[in-house]
Amino acid sequence: MTTTDKFVKMVEAIALFLAVVGLILFLASRFSGRKGDRVVAAVFLLPTAVMVLVGLVYPGVRTIYYSFFNAAGTAFVGMDNYQTIFTSSDQRTVLRNTVLWVVVTPFVATAVGLLYAILVDKARVEALAKAFIFLPMSISFVGASIIWKFVYEYRPDQSGVQQIGLLNQLLVWLGLTPQQWLINTPWNTFFLIVVMIWIQAGFAMTVLSAAIKAIPEDIVEAARLDGVGPLGMFRFVTVPSIRPALIVVLTTIGIGTLKVFDIVRTMTGGQFDTSVVANEFYSESFRSANQGLGAALAVLLFVLVIPIVLYNIRQLRASEGR
């Protein structure tokens, strides 16, 4: 396809979009009154509903359907793919790694963000300090992975060979032996988790800092007059007051962690027992051509996300109802 053809396709797509919007606005202008309001709402919601059905519901149902078929998607195998996920030693390693990611990342990232938000609150260099820890959020997961891959870089410990990885160079300066950080299992999984924590701590700090500043000043002053110390202030005032924000941060990071793919794919490719469900789904579907197992892994990922989303919705409704 030439550049001219691409340009023509782009113009056609824009024209089609404008035509659809124009048709919606024209139909909406033809109705008035209470019944007209309902018709207008239906007209505006119809394109969204169609896109949700075509782009979300249909692919989801199709994925669930193919999860019950073999690798080629031609023979029905029932629950065999799901059985493989929970019985295969390789797949159990994937599940173990995913559990580690979900358990460690949200809590550590939230704890780091909360501690940082408290330490820099009302400091002279608060804005600069917040910008410093928020900076990794502006970097893509792939970019952050490349940065940390250089941090973990290993060169054989031989005379004349210089380490280019920051961690290994520090070990050399301390008279220690350089390590292959991304090869030794299970510690390599934790070294990958560090990258996610580094990225998400800025998000946690931003949300929690805003929640801390929203705590009513009279509550803080009352606690101080009662002789509450710094630890008591944190335990009995800060944490209860920002509990809704803590839940939002934990669940948001948890969902992002369940879907983590870029970091694992860029740094290890899932080798050395570091693969997670999202990466394994990609590998089985597109590299091993195992359509059935890949679909089953995608369904499992969807099922794992649902409880977190439902819990988040329930807590938000509870906080709004107080």
Protein backbone atom coordinates (compact mmCIF):
# COMPACT_ATOMS: atom_id res chain seq x y z
CA MET A 1 0.00 0.00 0.00
CA THR A 2 1.45 3.32 -1.10
CA THR A 3 1.48 6.54 0.91
CA THR A 4 -1.30 7.93 -1.29
CA ASP A 5 -3.48 4.87 -0.62
CA LYS A 6 -2.91 5.24 3.12
CA PHE A 7 -3.84 8.91 2.96
CA VAL A 8 -7.03 8.08 1.03
CA LYS A 9 -7.97 5.42 3.61
CA MET A 10 -7.42 7.93 6.41
CA VAL A 11 -9.63 10.53 4.69
CA GLU A 12 -12.32 7.90 4.13
CA ALA A 13 -12.24 6.88 7.80
CA ILE A 14 -12.52 10.52 8.94
CA ALA A 15 -15.38 11.13 6.50
CA LEU A 16 -17.21 8.03 7.73
CA PHE A 17 -16.78 9.14 11.35
CA LEU A 18 -18.10 12.62 10.59
CA ALA A 19 -21.03 11.12 8.67
CA VAL A 20 -21.99 8.91 11.61
CA VAL A 21 -21.73 11.81 14.08
CA GLY A 22 -23.74 14.03 11.76
CA LEU A 23 -26.45 11.37 11.41
CA ILE A 24 -26.67 10.99 15.18
CA LEU A 25 -26.96 14.74 15.71
CA PHE A 26 -29.59 15.00 12.96
CA LEU A 27 -31.72 12.23 14.45
CA ALA A 28 -31.35 13.71 17.93
CA SER A 29 -32.56 17.11 16.73
CA ARG A 30 -35.79 15.60 15.36
CA PHE A 31 -37.18 14.69 18.79
CA SER A 32 -38.25 16.77 21.76
CA GLY A 33 -39.99 16.30 25.12
CA ARG A 34 -39.57 13.48 27.63
CA LYS A 35 -39.99 10.79 24.99
CA GLY A 36 -37.57 12.67 22.78
CA ASP A 37 -34.96 12.71 25.56
CA ARG A 38 -35.12 8.93 25.75
CA VAL A 39 -34.79 8.64 21.99
CA VAL A 40 -31.84 11.04 21.98
CA ALA A 41 -30.15 9.05 24.77
CA ALA A 42 -30.71 5.82 22.85
CA VAL A 43 -29.33 7.34 19.65
CA PHE A 44 -26.15 8.49 21.39
CA LEU A 45 -25.72 5.20 23.26
CA LEU A 46 -26.27 3.00 20.22
CA PRO A 47 -22.79 3.48 18.64
CA THR A 48 -21.14 2.87 22.01
CA ALA A 49 -23.17 -0.28 22.56
CA VAL A 50 -22.28 -1.55 19.10
CA MET A 51 -18.57 -0.92 19.67
CA VAL A 52 -18.70 -2.64 23.07
CA LEU A 53 -20.41 -5.66 21.53
CA VAL A 54 -18.03 -5.87 18.58
CA GLY A 55 -14.81 -4.95 20.39
CA LEU A 56 -15.36 -6.51 23.82
CA VAL A 57 -18.29 -8.91 24.20
CA TYR A 58 -17.83 -10.85 20.95
CA PRO A 59 -14.04 -11.36 21.37
CA GLY A 60 -14.62 -12.36 25.01
CA VAL A 61 -17.24 -14.96 24.15
CA ARG A 62 -15.12 -16.23 21.27
CA THR A 63 -12.08 -16.58 23.57
CA ILE A 64 -14.12 -18.57 26.10
CA TYR A 65 -15.40 -20.76 23.26
CA TYR A 66 -11.93 -21.57 21.91
CA SER A 67 -10.58 -22.31 25.40
CA PHE A 68 -12.43 -25.64 25.16
CA PHE A 69 -10.70 -26.65 21.91
CA ASN A 70 -7.30 -28.09 21.03
CA ALA A 71 -4.22 -26.20 19.89
CA ALA A 72 -5.46 -25.86 16.33
CA GLY A 73 -8.98 -24.92 17.43
CA THR A 74 -10.51 -27.80 15.50
CA ALA A 75 -11.36 -30.45 18.14
CA PHE A 76 -13.36 -30.05 21.34
CA VAL A 77 -11.28 -31.08 24.38
CA GLY A 78 -13.49 -29.88 27.23
CA MET A 79 -11.62 -28.79 30.35
CA ASP A 80 -8.26 -30.21 29.26
CA ASN A 81 -6.68 -26.80 28.72
CA TYR A 82 -7.71 -25.63 32.18
CA GLN A 83 -6.48 -28.90 33.65
CA THR A 84 -3.12 -28.33 31.97
CA ILE A 85 -2.85 -24.89 33.58
CA PHE A 86 -3.16 -26.34 37.08
CA THR A 87 -1.31 -29.66 36.59
CA SER A 88 1.64 -28.84 34.32
CA SER A 89 4.80 -27.98 36.25
CA ASP A 90 5.61 -25.11 33.84
CA GLN A 91 2.12 -23.65 34.18
CA ARG A 92 2.20 -23.96 37.96
CA THR A 93 5.41 -21.95 37.92
CA VAL A 94 3.58 -19.30 35.88
CA LEU A 95 0.76 -19.24 38.45
CA ARG A 96 3.25 -19.02 41.32
CA ASN A 97 4.99 -16.07 39.70
CA THR A 98 1.68 -14.33 39.08
CA VAL A 99 0.71 -14.76 42.73
CA LEU A 100 4.06 -13.29 43.79
CA TRP A 101 3.54 -10.29 41.53
CA VAL A 102 0.00 -9.66 42.80
CA VAL A 103 0.87 -10.12 46.48
CA VAL A 104 4.12 -8.14 46.56
CA THR A 105 3.74 -5.33 44.03
CA PRO A 106 0.53 -3.54 45.16
CA PHE A 107 1.37 -3.58 48.87
CA VAL A 108 5.02 -2.58 48.51
CA ALA A 109 4.31 0.12 45.90
CA THR A 110 1.46 1.51 48.01
CA ALA A 111 3.58 1.43 51.17
CA VAL A 112 6.44 3.27 49.43
CA GLY A 113 4.05 5.84 47.96
CA LEU A 114 2.30 6.41 51.29
CA LEU A 115 5.55 6.76 53.23
CA TYR A 116 6.93 9.17 50.65
CA ALA A 117 3.70 11.21 50.62
CA ILE A 118 3.84 11.60 54.42
CA LEU A 119 7.53 12.49 54.47
CA VAL A 120 7.33 15.22 51.81
CA ASP A 121 3.95 16.61 52.90
CA LYS A 122 4.24 20.40 53.43
CA ALA A 123 8.00 20.31 52.88
CA ARG A 124 9.72 23.22 51.15
CA VAL A 125 10.72 21.07 48.18
CA GLU A 126 7.46 19.10 48.11
CA ALA A 127 6.72 19.76 44.44
CA LEU A 128 10.24 18.83 43.34
CA ALA A 129 10.30 15.72 45.52
CA LYS A 130 6.96 14.54 44.15
CA ALA A 131 8.06 15.18 40.59
CA PHE A 132 11.17 13.08 41.23
CA ILE A 133 9.26 9.96 42.29
CA PHE A 134 6.46 10.51 39.76
CA LEU A 135 8.91 10.70 36.84
CA PRO A 136 8.98 6.90 36.20
CA MET A 137 5.21 7.07 35.51
CA SER A 138 5.99 9.03 32.36
CA ILE A 139 8.18 6.22 31.03
CA SER A 140 6.63 3.32 29.15
CA PHE A 141 6.92 -0.14 30.64
CA VAL A 142 9.23 -1.15 27.81
CA GLY A 143 11.45 1.90 28.36
CA ALA A 144 11.60 1.26 32.10
CA SER A 145 12.44 -2.40 31.45
CA ILE A 146 15.33 -1.46 29.19
CA ILE A 147 16.67 0.94 31.83
CA TRP A 148 16.56 -1.73 34.53
CA LYS A 149 17.95 -4.36 32.20
CA PHE A 150 21.08 -2.23 32.00
CA VAL A 151 21.04 -1.87 35.80
CA TYR A 152 21.05 -5.68 36.12
CA GLU A 153 23.49 -6.25 33.24
CA TYR A 154 26.13 -8.91 33.92
CA ARG A 155 29.57 -9.40 32.41
CA PRO A 156 31.77 -12.42 33.20
CA ASP A 157 34.08 -11.75 36.16
CA GLN A 158 37.34 -11.85 34.21
CA SER A 159 40.38 -9.65 34.19
CA GLY A 160 40.00 -6.71 31.87
CA VAL A 161 36.20 -7.06 31.66
CA GLN A 162 34.36 -4.04 33.00
CA GLN A 163 30.84 -4.26 34.37
CA ILE A 164 28.31 -1.95 32.69
CA GLY A 165 25.46 -2.86 35.04
CA LEU A 166 25.09 -0.51 38.00
CA LEU A 167 24.45 -3.23 40.59
CA ASN A 168 27.34 -5.40 39.49
CA GLN A 169 29.70 -2.42 39.37
CA LEU A 170 28.74 -1.63 42.96
CA LEU A 171 29.56 -5.22 43.90
CA VAL A 172 32.94 -4.93 42.18
CA TRP A 173 33.71 -1.73 44.09
CA LEU A 174 32.86 -3.55 47.31
CA GLY A 175 35.17 -6.43 46.37
CA LEU A 176 32.31 -8.87 45.75
CA THR A 177 31.51 -11.15 42.81
CA PRO A 178 29.11 -9.90 40.11
CA GLN A 179 25.78 -11.73 39.92
CA GLN A 180 23.49 -12.78 37.09
CA TRP A 181 20.42 -11.12 38.57
CA LEU A 182 17.92 -12.16 35.89
CA ILE A 183 18.87 -15.83 35.67
CA ASN A 184 18.85 -17.15 39.22
CA THR A 185 15.35 -18.31 40.18
CA PRO A 186 13.20 -17.43 42.13
CA TRP A 187 15.01 -14.20 42.98
CA ASN A 188 14.90 -13.04 39.36
CA THR A 189 11.11 -12.69 39.67
CA PHE A 190 11.56 -10.30 42.58
CA PHE A 191 14.09 -8.28 40.59
CA LEU A 192 11.46 -7.89 37.86
CA ILE A 193 8.88 -6.89 40.45
CA VAL A 194 11.18 -4.05 41.54
CA VAL A 195 10.67 -2.43 38.13
CA MET A 196 6.88 -2.42 38.55
CA ILE A 197 7.18 -1.01 42.07
CA TRP A 198 9.51 1.71 40.77
CA ILE A 199 6.88 2.73 38.21
CA GLN A 200 3.75 2.46 40.36
CA ALA A 201 5.10 4.10 43.54
CA GLY A 202 4.66 7.52 41.90
CA PHE A 203 1.00 6.80 41.15
CA ALA A 204 0.40 5.68 44.74
CA MET A 205 2.17 8.74 46.10
CA THR A 206 0.11 11.15 43.98
CA VAL A 207 -3.29 9.71 44.93
CA LEU A 208 -2.45 9.24 48.61
CA SER A 209 -0.87 12.66 48.92
CA ALA A 210 -4.09 14.25 47.67
CA ALA A 211 -6.08 12.14 50.16
CA ILE A 212 -3.81 13.18 53.02
CA LYS A 213 -4.22 16.87 52.18
CA ALA A 214 -8.01 16.36 52.17
CA ILE A 215 -8.05 15.24 55.84
CA PRO A 216 -9.97 17.91 57.81
CA GLU A 217 -7.60 20.07 59.80
CA ASP A 218 -9.85 20.01 62.87
CA ILE A 219 -9.44 16.23 63.15
CA VAL A 220 -5.66 16.58 63.06
CA GLU A 221 -5.69 19.39 65.63
CA ALA A 222 -8.00 17.42 67.94
CA ALA A 223 -5.69 14.43 67.81
CA ARG A 224 -2.68 16.61 68.62
CA LEU A 225 -4.49 18.18 71.57
CA ASP A 226 -5.21 14.68 72.88
CA GLY A 227 -1.47 14.00 72.86
CA VAL A 228 -1.42 11.60 69.93
CA GLY A 229 2.14 11.02 68.71
CA PRO A 230 3.36 10.60 65.12
CA LEU A 231 2.77 6.83 65.03
CA GLY A 232 -0.65 7.22 66.65
CA MET A 233 -1.51 9.98 64.20
CA PHE A 234 -0.62 7.68 61.33
CA ARG A 235 -2.53 4.71 62.73
CA PHE A 236 -5.66 6.35 64.11
CA VAL A 237 -6.06 9.45 61.92
CA THR A 238 -4.23 9.20 58.58
CA VAL A 239 -4.94 5.58 57.61
CA PRO A 240 -8.68 5.59 58.53
CA SER A 241 -9.18 8.92 56.77
CA ILE A 242 -7.54 7.83 53.51
CA ARG A 243 -8.87 4.24 53.53
CA PRO A 244 -10.98 4.69 50.34
CA ALA A 245 -7.94 6.08 48.50
CA LEU A 246 -5.79 3.20 49.78
CA ILE A 247 -8.30 0.68 48.42
CA VAL A 248 -8.39 2.41 45.03
CA VAL A 249 -4.60 2.46 44.80
CA LEU A 250 -4.20 -1.17 45.89
CA THR A 251 -6.84 -2.49 43.52
CA THR A 252 -5.68 -0.37 40.58
CA ILE A 253 -2.07 -1.49 40.95
CA GLY A 254 -3.28 -5.06 41.54
CA ILE A 255 -5.20 -5.11 38.26
CA GLY A 256 -2.24 -3.63 36.41
CA THR A 257 0.04 -6.23 37.97
CA LEU A 258 -2.20 -9.11 36.91
CA LYS A 259 -1.91 -7.90 33.32
CA VAL A 260 1.84 -7.25 33.44
CA PHE A 261 3.46 -8.28 30.17
CA ASP A 262 5.91 -5.66 28.93
CA ILE A 263 8.40 -5.99 31.79
CA VAL A 264 8.66 -9.77 31.62
CA ARG A 265 8.72 -9.85 27.83
CA THR A 266 11.42 -7.18 27.54
CA MET A 267 13.75 -8.29 30.32
CA THR A 268 13.65 -12.11 30.22
CA GLY A 269 11.12 -13.12 27.59
CA GLY A 270 9.57 -15.36 30.22
CA GLN A 271 12.71 -17.52 30.44
CA PHE A 272 14.42 -18.71 33.62
CA ASP A 273 11.05 -19.39 35.32
CA THR A 274 9.91 -15.75 35.20
CA SER A 275 6.83 -16.03 33.00
CA VAL A 276 3.43 -14.79 34.23
CA VAL A 277 -0.10 -15.44 32.97
CA ALA A 278 -0.22 -12.51 30.54
CA ASN A 279 3.15 -13.39 29.02
CA GLU A 280 2.29 -17.08 28.87
CA PHE A 281 -0.96 -16.26 27.10
CA TYR A 282 1.02 -14.43 24.42
CA SER A 283 3.64 -17.16 24.13
CA GLU A 284 1.12 -19.99 23.81
CA SER A 285 -1.14 -18.13 21.39
CA PHE A 286 1.37 -16.54 19.04
CA ARG A 287 4.69 -18.34 19.46
CA SER A 288 3.65 -21.91 20.20
CA ALA A 289 0.46 -21.72 18.12
CA ASN A 290 -1.51 -23.35 20.95
CA GLN A 291 -4.77 -21.50 20.46
CA GLY A 292 -6.73 -23.51 23.03
CA LEU A 293 -4.29 -23.14 25.93
CA GLY A 294 -3.71 -19.48 25.09
CA ALA A 295 -7.45 -18.81 25.19
CA ALA A 296 -7.75 -20.66 28.51
CA LEU A 297 -4.99 -18.51 30.00
CA ALA A 298 -6.76 -15.37 28.77
CA VAL A 299 -9.99 -16.55 30.40
CA LEU A 300 -8.12 -17.27 33.64
CA LEU A 301 -6.68 -13.76 33.59
CA PHE A 302 -10.17 -12.33 33.11
CA VAL A 303 -11.54 -14.40 35.99
CA LEU A 304 -8.72 -13.26 38.28
CA VAL A 305 -9.43 -9.59 37.57
CA ILE A 306 -13.19 -9.80 38.24
CA PRO A 307 -13.03 -10.15 42.07
CA ILE A 308 -10.70 -7.17 42.37
CA VAL A 309 -12.98 -5.00 40.22
CA LEU A 310 -16.09 -6.06 42.13
CA TYR A 311 -14.42 -5.38 45.48
CA ASN A 312 -13.33 -1.94 44.28
CA ILE A 313 -16.86 -1.10 43.12
CA ARG A 314 -18.33 -2.30 46.42
CA GLN A 315 -15.92 -0.20 48.48
CA LEU A 316 -16.56 2.89 46.35
CA ARG A 317 -20.30 2.52 46.79
CA ALA A 318 -19.85 2.03 50.53
CA SER A 319 -17.72 5.17 50.80
CA GLU A 320 -20.26 7.20 48.83
CA GLY A 321 -23.10 5.99 51.03
CA ARG A 322 -21.53 7.20 54.29
